[in-house]
Amino acid sequence: MKLYVISGLGANGSIFEYIQFPKKFTEIIYIDWVIPNYNESFENYVNRMAEKVDVSEKFCLLGYSFGGIMVQEIHKLKPAEKVVILGSIKSDKEMSITFHLAKSSRIFAKLPESYFSEKTIKSYAFFRKLFDPNNPKLWQYFKVQNPTYLKWSINKILEWKHEEDKNVIQILADKDIVFPVKNSKPNYVIKGGTHLFPVTKAKEVSKILEEVFSE
């Protein structure tokens, strides 16, 4: 059985470099973010991201942060044996007040792409919250810094509408400021972890994944 993995907004597969995935999987396949086309719909983008998923054999999906949202959408198109999300939400109702305010103001839809440059991302308060850059390791994982991709993705996160699928396994950290645990009812909580817990709490995450995928 294969495991398809999608990382967080702007991040690549290296965010999982310390994770020990269960040996039951014959292959771990990372699905990289693609740059959205001009005015591309979220539905069309999800279809493009799902192209790498081979449905000829059984598979599972794992997503971190924005990747957690994406694997839930892919699951609608190509149902997986199991879906696990790390540092992500199961419905839009779990978003924080910060996200709801950003959505209602439509501030990111109004901003030009120049505001989504690397320099801006590192300086603006909302981005600091979104990417949790207090951790010095953050920027080595934040690889996809294309302004078109970042503006499009942030707006799609804010616009996301989704009803909770109770079969999705949710793993959150108790000190995550991006998706606060108080807004959700996760299956597992990583103690002392921030939004970057797949890196900083890899041993705990690996143990949980072994348990989840053994069932």
C-alpha atoms as a PDB file:
ATOM      1  CA  MET A   1       0.000   0.000   0.000  1.00  0.00           C
ATOM      2  CA  LYS A   2       1.234   3.484  -0.884  1.00  0.00           C
ATOM      3  CA  LEU A   3       1.084   6.603   1.262  1.00  0.00           C
ATOM      4  CA  TYR A   4       0.633   9.937  -0.510  1.00  0.00           C
ATOM      5  CA  VAL A   5       1.891  12.911   1.477  1.00  0.00           C
ATOM      6  CA  ILE A   6       1.314  16.655   1.007  1.00  0.00           C
ATOM      7  CA  SER A   7       3.178  19.233   3.066  1.00  0.00           C
ATOM      8  CA  GLY A   8       2.075  22.641   4.314  1.00  0.00           C
ATOM      9  CA  LEU A   9       1.721  25.948   2.527  1.00  0.00           C
ATOM     10  CA  GLY A  10       4.976  26.740   0.758  1.00  0.00           C
ATOM     11  CA  ALA A  11       6.736  23.739   2.286  1.00  0.00           C
ATOM     12  CA  ASN A  12       8.199  20.657   0.657  1.00  0.00           C
ATOM     13  CA  GLY A  13       8.599  17.083   1.822  1.00  0.00           C
ATOM     14  CA  SER A  14      11.597  17.912   4.010  1.00  0.00           C
ATOM     15  CA  ILE A  15       9.164  18.943   6.761  1.00  0.00           C
ATOM     16  CA  PHE A  16       8.765  15.172   7.306  1.00  0.00           C
ATOM     17  CA  GLU A  17      12.496  14.397   7.278  1.00  0.00           C
ATOM     18  CA  TYR A  18      12.508  13.113  10.870  1.00  0.00           C
ATOM     19  CA  ILE A  19       9.268  11.154  10.638  1.00  0.00           C
ATOM     20  CA  GLN A  20       9.481   7.365  10.609  1.00  0.00           C
ATOM     21  CA  PHE A  21       6.574   6.227   8.474  1.00  0.00           C
ATOM     22  CA  PRO A  22       5.002   2.821   9.151  1.00  0.00           C
ATOM     23  CA  LYS A  23       6.730  -0.026   7.358  1.00  0.00           C
ATOM     24  CA  LYS A  24       3.393  -1.286   6.053  1.00  0.00           C
ATOM     25  CA  PHE A  25       3.672   1.240   3.217  1.00  0.00           C
ATOM     26  CA  THR A  26       5.533   0.011   0.172  1.00  0.00           C
ATOM     27  CA  GLU A  27       6.192   3.567  -0.997  1.00  0.00           C
ATOM     28  CA  ILE A  28       5.950   7.104   0.368  1.00  0.00           C
ATOM     29  CA  ILE A  29       5.016   9.503  -2.428  1.00  0.00           C
ATOM     30  CA  TYR A  30       5.275  13.248  -1.872  1.00  0.00           C
ATOM     31  CA  ILE A  31       2.938  15.378  -3.955  1.00  0.00           C
ATOM     32  CA  ASP A  32       4.597  18.739  -4.552  1.00  0.00           C
ATOM     33  CA  TRP A  33       2.680  21.998  -4.775  1.00  0.00           C
ATOM     34  CA  VAL A  34       2.113  23.327  -8.272  1.00  0.00           C
ATOM     35  CA  ILE A  35       1.780  26.976  -9.250  1.00  0.00           C
ATOM     36  CA  PRO A  36      -1.890  27.853  -9.841  1.00  0.00           C
ATOM     37  CA  ASN A  37      -2.919  29.039 -13.273  1.00  0.00           C
ATOM     38  CA  TYR A  38      -4.411  32.489 -13.744  1.00  0.00           C
ATOM     39  CA  ASN A  39      -7.829  32.653 -12.019  1.00  0.00           C
ATOM     40  CA  GLU A  40      -7.716  28.890 -11.470  1.00  0.00           C
ATOM     41  CA  SER A  41     -10.558  27.499  -9.395  1.00  0.00           C
ATOM     42  CA  PHE A  42      -9.840  25.501  -6.266  1.00  0.00           C
ATOM     43  CA  GLU A  43     -11.690  22.539  -7.770  1.00  0.00           C
ATOM     44  CA  ASN A  44      -9.469  22.485 -10.844  1.00  0.00           C
ATOM     45  CA  TYR A  45      -6.342  22.860  -8.727  1.00  0.00           C
ATOM     46  CA  VAL A  46      -7.370  19.901  -6.545  1.00  0.00           C
ATOM     47  CA  ASN A  47      -7.849  17.837  -9.682  1.00  0.00           C
ATOM     48  CA  ARG A  48      -4.326  18.660 -10.797  1.00  0.00           C
ATOM     49  CA  MET A  49      -2.876  17.808  -7.391  1.00  0.00           C
ATOM     50  CA  ALA A  50      -4.777  14.497  -7.433  1.00  0.00           C
ATOM     51  CA  GLU A  51      -3.289  13.395 -10.752  1.00  0.00           C
ATOM     52  CA  LYS A  52      -0.361  11.662  -9.040  1.00  0.00           C
ATOM     53  CA  VAL A  53      -2.646   9.435  -6.983  1.00  0.00           C
ATOM     54  CA  ASP A  54      -2.859   5.973  -8.515  1.00  0.00           C
ATOM     55  CA  VAL A  55      -6.219   4.383  -7.715  1.00  0.00           C
ATOM     56  CA  SER A  56      -5.295   0.992  -9.197  1.00  0.00           C
ATOM     57  CA  GLU A  57      -4.138  -0.094  -5.746  1.00  0.00           C
ATOM     58  CA  LYS A  58      -5.147   0.773  -2.195  1.00  0.00           C
ATOM     59  CA  PHE A  59      -3.601   3.887  -0.681  1.00  0.00           C
ATOM     60  CA  CYS A  60      -3.722   6.292   2.249  1.00  0.00           C
ATOM     61  CA  LEU A  61      -3.422  10.077   2.394  1.00  0.00           C
ATOM     62  CA  LEU A  62      -1.471  12.225   4.846  1.00  0.00           C
ATOM     63  CA  GLY A  63      -1.455  16.018   4.845  1.00  0.00           C
ATOM     64  CA  TYR A  64       0.132  18.715   6.975  1.00  0.00           C
ATOM     65  CA  SER A  65      -1.446  22.171   7.459  1.00  0.00           C
ATOM     66  CA  PHE A  66      -2.725  23.327   4.027  1.00  0.00           C
ATOM     67  CA  GLY A  67      -1.779  19.862   2.832  1.00  0.00           C
ATOM     68  CA  GLY A  68      -4.329  18.522   5.323  1.00  0.00           C
ATOM     69  CA  ILE A  69      -7.025  20.524   3.600  1.00  0.00           C
ATOM     70  CA  MET A  70      -5.809  19.336   0.221  1.00  0.00           C
ATOM     71  CA  VAL A  71      -5.821  15.610   1.064  1.00  0.00           C
ATOM     72  CA  GLN A  72      -9.399  15.888   2.309  1.00  0.00           C
ATOM     73  CA  GLU A  73     -10.396  17.396  -1.033  1.00  0.00           C
ATOM     74  CA  ILE A  74      -8.489  14.720  -2.953  1.00  0.00           C
ATOM     75  CA  HIS A  75     -10.231  12.094  -0.831  1.00  0.00           C
ATOM     76  CA  LYS A  76     -13.552  13.260  -2.316  1.00  0.00           C
ATOM     77  CA  LEU A  77     -12.250  12.516  -5.814  1.00  0.00           C
ATOM     78  CA  LYS A  78     -10.172   9.472  -5.033  1.00  0.00           C
ATOM     79  CA  PRO A  79     -11.276   7.825  -1.785  1.00  0.00           C
ATOM     80  CA  ALA A  80      -8.408   6.603   0.377  1.00  0.00           C
ATOM     81  CA  GLU A  81      -8.314   3.743   2.879  1.00  0.00           C
ATOM     82  CA  LYS A  82      -7.450   6.278   5.564  1.00  0.00           C
ATOM     83  CA  VAL A  83      -6.880  10.038   5.744  1.00  0.00           C
ATOM     84  CA  VAL A  84      -4.660  11.583   8.415  1.00  0.00           C
ATOM     85  CA  ILE A  85      -4.098  15.316   8.882  1.00  0.00           C
ATOM     86  CA  LEU A  86      -1.360  16.946  10.943  1.00  0.00           C
ATOM     87  CA  GLY A  87      -1.670  20.532  12.178  1.00  0.00           C
ATOM     88  CA  SER A  88      -4.772  21.023  10.060  1.00  0.00           C
ATOM     89  CA  ILE A  89      -8.542  21.324  10.343  1.00  0.00           C
ATOM     90  CA  LYS A  90     -11.465  19.083   9.414  1.00  0.00           C
ATOM     91  CA  SER A  91     -13.894  21.896   8.637  1.00  0.00           C
ATOM     92  CA  ASP A  92     -13.933  25.662   8.174  1.00  0.00           C
ATOM     93  CA  LYS A  93     -15.711  25.934  11.527  1.00  0.00           C
ATOM     94  CA  GLU A  94     -12.389  25.129  13.209  1.00  0.00           C
ATOM     95  CA  MET A  95     -10.613  28.218  11.864  1.00  0.00           C
ATOM     96  CA  SER A  96      -9.339  30.770  14.366  1.00  0.00           C
ATOM     97  CA  ILE A  97     -10.695  34.297  14.823  1.00  0.00           C
ATOM     98  CA  THR A  98      -7.644  35.591  12.946  1.00  0.00           C
ATOM     99  CA  PHE A  99      -8.648  33.602   9.879  1.00  0.00           C
ATOM    100  CA  HIS A 100     -12.292  34.657  10.095  1.00  0.00           C
ATOM    101  CA  LEU A 101     -11.301  38.318  10.332  1.00  0.00           C
ATOM    102  CA  ALA A 102      -8.972  37.986   7.368  1.00  0.00           C
ATOM    103  CA  LYS A 103     -11.745  36.296   5.403  1.00  0.00           C
ATOM    104  CA  SER A 104     -14.446  38.862   6.196  1.00  0.00           C
ATOM    105  CA  SER A 105     -12.163  41.792   5.380  1.00  0.00           C
ATOM    106  CA  ARG A 106     -10.955  40.161   2.131  1.00  0.00           C
ATOM    107  CA  ILE A 107      -7.649  41.865   2.796  1.00  0.00           C
ATOM    108  CA  PHE A 108      -5.546  39.243   1.037  1.00  0.00           C
ATOM    109  CA  ALA A 109      -7.750  39.266  -2.049  1.00  0.00           C
ATOM    110  CA  LYS A 110      -7.197  43.019  -2.319  1.00  0.00           C
ATOM    111  CA  LEU A 111      -3.434  43.005  -1.861  1.00  0.00           C
ATOM    112  CA  PRO A 112      -1.179  42.941  -4.943  1.00  0.00           C
ATOM    113  CA  GLU A 113       1.104  39.959  -5.416  1.00  0.00           C
ATOM    114  CA  SER A 114       4.121  42.103  -4.490  1.00  0.00           C
ATOM    115  CA  TYR A 115       2.948  41.891  -0.871  1.00  0.00           C
ATOM    116  CA  PHE A 116       3.513  38.139  -0.995  1.00  0.00           C
ATOM    117  CA  SER A 117       7.240  38.354  -1.563  1.00  0.00           C
ATOM    118  CA  GLU A 118       9.678  36.593   0.770  1.00  0.00           C
ATOM    119  CA  LYS A 119      10.604  39.872   2.501  1.00  0.00           C
ATOM    120  CA  THR A 120       6.971  40.771   3.177  1.00  0.00           C
ATOM    121  CA  ILE A 121       6.077  37.329   4.461  1.00  0.00           C
ATOM    122  CA  LYS A 122       8.818  37.537   7.044  1.00  0.00           C
ATOM    123  CA  SER A 123       7.740  40.978   8.273  1.00  0.00           C
ATOM    124  CA  TYR A 124       3.934  41.101   8.403  1.00  0.00           C
ATOM    125  CA  ALA A 125       2.138  40.025  11.587  1.00  0.00           C
ATOM    126  CA  PHE A 126      -0.438  37.760   9.907  1.00  0.00           C
ATOM    127  CA  PHE A 127       2.258  35.888   8.032  1.00  0.00           C
ATOM    128  CA  ARG A 128       4.277  35.551  11.224  1.00  0.00           C
ATOM    129  CA  LYS A 129       1.283  33.858  12.822  1.00  0.00           C
ATOM    130  CA  LEU A 130       0.519  31.765   9.773  1.00  0.00           C
ATOM    131  CA  PHE A 131       4.034  30.423   9.323  1.00  0.00           C
ATOM    132  CA  ASP A 132       5.192  30.428  12.966  1.00  0.00           C
ATOM    133  CA  PRO A 133       8.678  31.803  12.171  1.00  0.00           C
ATOM    134  CA  ASN A 134       9.752  32.005  15.816  1.00  0.00           C
ATOM    135  CA  ASN A 135      11.164  28.574  15.173  1.00  0.00           C
ATOM    136  CA  PRO A 136      14.564  29.135  13.505  1.00  0.00           C
ATOM    137  CA  LYS A 137      14.125  26.037  11.378  1.00  0.00           C
ATOM    138  CA  LEU A 138      11.043  27.362   9.581  1.00  0.00           C
ATOM    139  CA  TRP A 139      12.612  29.014   6.567  1.00  0.00           C
ATOM    140  CA  GLN A 140      14.638  25.962   5.582  1.00  0.00           C
ATOM    141  CA  TYR A 141      11.346  24.150   4.948  1.00  0.00           C
ATOM    142  CA  PHE A 142       9.498  27.073   3.381  1.00  0.00           C
ATOM    143  CA  LYS A 143      10.671  26.491  -0.197  1.00  0.00           C
ATOM    144  CA  VAL A 144       7.768  27.473  -2.473  1.00  0.00           C
ATOM    145  CA  GLN A 145       7.828  31.265  -2.289  1.00  0.00           C
ATOM    146  CA  ASN A 146       6.190  32.130  -5.587  1.00  0.00           C
ATOM    147  CA  PRO A 147       3.953  35.208  -4.913  1.00  0.00           C
ATOM    148  CA  THR A 148       1.182  33.951  -7.231  1.00  0.00           C
ATOM    149  CA  TYR A 149       1.066  30.627  -5.422  1.00  0.00           C
ATOM    150  CA  LEU A 150       1.135  32.231  -1.962  1.00  0.00           C
ATOM    151  CA  LYS A 151      -1.612  34.784  -2.591  1.00  0.00           C
ATOM    152  CA  TRP A 152      -3.837  32.221  -4.300  1.00  0.00           C
ATOM    153  CA  SER A 153      -3.286  29.595  -1.593  1.00  0.00           C
ATOM    154  CA  ILE A 154      -3.919  31.899   1.361  1.00  0.00           C
ATOM    155  CA  ASN A 155      -7.162  33.104  -0.179  1.00  0.00           C
ATOM    156  CA  LYS A 156      -8.282  29.539  -0.906  1.00  0.00           C
ATOM    157  CA  ILE A 157      -7.598  28.537   2.704  1.00  0.00           C
ATOM    158  CA  LEU A 158      -9.699  31.466   3.914  1.00  0.00           C
ATOM    159  CA  GLU A 159     -12.508  30.628   1.465  1.00  0.00           C
ATOM    160  CA  TRP A 160     -12.514  26.890   2.216  1.00  0.00           C
ATOM    161  CA  LYS A 161     -15.904  25.400   3.080  1.00  0.00           C
ATOM    162  CA  HIS A 162     -16.037  21.841   4.275  1.00  0.00           C
ATOM    163  CA  GLU A 163     -18.188  19.631   6.455  1.00  0.00           C
ATOM    164  CA  GLU A 164     -16.295  17.503   8.925  1.00  0.00           C
ATOM    165  CA  ASP A 165     -15.604  13.918   7.947  1.00  0.00           C
ATOM    166  CA  LYS A 166     -15.485  12.033  11.239  1.00  0.00           C
ATOM    167  CA  ASN A 167     -13.364   9.296   9.693  1.00  0.00           C
ATOM    168  CA  VAL A 168     -10.458  11.692   9.154  1.00  0.00           C
ATOM    169  CA  ILE A 169      -7.792  11.280  11.837  1.00  0.00           C
ATOM    170  CA  GLN A 170      -6.662  14.658  13.188  1.00  0.00           C
ATOM    171  CA  ILE A 171      -3.395  15.267  15.041  1.00  0.00           C
ATOM    172  CA  LEU A 172      -2.842  18.724  16.544  1.00  0.00           C
ATOM    173  CA  ALA A 173      -0.334  20.352  18.905  1.00  0.00           C
ATOM    174  CA  ASP A 174      -1.413  22.107  22.072  1.00  0.00           C
ATOM    175  CA  LYS A 175       0.665  25.239  21.387  1.00  0.00           C
ATOM    176  CA  ASP A 176      -0.241  25.628  17.708  1.00  0.00           C
ATOM    177  CA  ILE A 177      -1.203  29.254  16.989  1.00  0.00           C
ATOM    178  CA  VAL A 178      -2.155  28.574  13.365  1.00  0.00           C
ATOM    179  CA  PHE A 179      -4.885  26.024  14.058  1.00  0.00           C
ATOM    180  CA  PRO A 180      -5.488  26.199  17.841  1.00  0.00           C
ATOM    181  CA  VAL A 181      -6.449  22.929  19.447  1.00  0.00           C
ATOM    182  CA  LYS A 182      -9.278  24.627  21.369  1.00  0.00           C
ATOM    183  CA  ASN A 183     -11.234  25.030  18.117  1.00  0.00           C
ATOM    184  CA  SER A 184     -11.146  21.315  17.319  1.00  0.00           C
ATOM    185  CA  LYS A 185     -11.703  17.885  18.782  1.00  0.00           C
ATOM    186  CA  PRO A 186      -8.572  16.107  17.582  1.00  0.00           C
ATOM    187  CA  ASN A 187      -7.938  12.390  17.874  1.00  0.00           C
ATOM    188  CA  TYR A 188      -4.440  13.073  19.187  1.00  0.00           C
ATOM    189  CA  VAL A 189      -2.750  16.076  20.828  1.00  0.00           C
ATOM    190  CA  ILE A 190       1.021  16.610  20.799  1.00  0.00           C
ATOM    191  CA  LYS A 191       2.064  18.140  24.104  1.00  0.00           C
ATOM    192  CA  GLY A 192       4.374  21.151  23.909  1.00  0.00           C
ATOM    193  CA  GLY A 193       4.239  21.263  20.125  1.00  0.00           C
ATOM    194  CA  THR A 194       3.845  24.330  17.896  1.00  0.00           C
ATOM    195  CA  HIS A 195       2.674  24.318  14.293  1.00  0.00           C
ATOM    196  CA  LEU A 196       6.037  22.839  13.321  1.00  0.00           C
ATOM    197  CA  PHE A 197       5.507  19.757  15.468  1.00  0.00           C
ATOM    198  CA  PRO A 198       6.203  17.290  12.611  1.00  0.00           C
ATOM    199  CA  VAL A 199       9.794  18.556  12.867  1.00  0.00           C
ATOM    200  CA  THR A 200      10.150  19.247  16.570  1.00  0.00           C
ATOM    201  CA  LYS A 201       8.079  16.313  17.844  1.00  0.00           C
ATOM    202  CA  ALA A 202       8.848  13.767  15.143  1.00  0.00           C
ATOM    203  CA  LYS A 203       9.274  10.854  17.561  1.00  0.00           C
ATOM    204  CA  GLU A 204       5.807  11.385  19.056  1.00  0.00           C
ATOM    205  CA  VAL A 205       4.251  11.824  15.615  1.00  0.00           C
ATOM    206  CA  SER A 206       5.934   8.675  14.291  1.00  0.00           C
ATOM    207  CA  LYS A 207       4.559   6.657  17.207  1.00  0.00           C
ATOM    208  CA  ILE A 208       1.030   7.934  16.596  1.00  0.00           C
ATOM    209  CA  LEU A 209       1.222   7.223  12.867  1.00  0.00           C
ATOM    210  CA  GLU A 210       2.319   3.659  13.584  1.00  0.00           C
ATOM    211  CA  GLU A 211      -0.721   3.245  15.832  1.00  0.00           C
ATOM    212  CA  VAL A 212      -3.175   4.916  13.444  1.00  0.00           C
ATOM    213  CA  PHE A 213      -2.132   3.000  10.342  1.00  0.00           C
ATOM    214  CA  SER A 214      -1.935  -0.349  12.119  1.00  0.00           C
ATOM    215  CA  GLU A 215      -5.674  -0.333  12.762  1.00  0.00           C
END
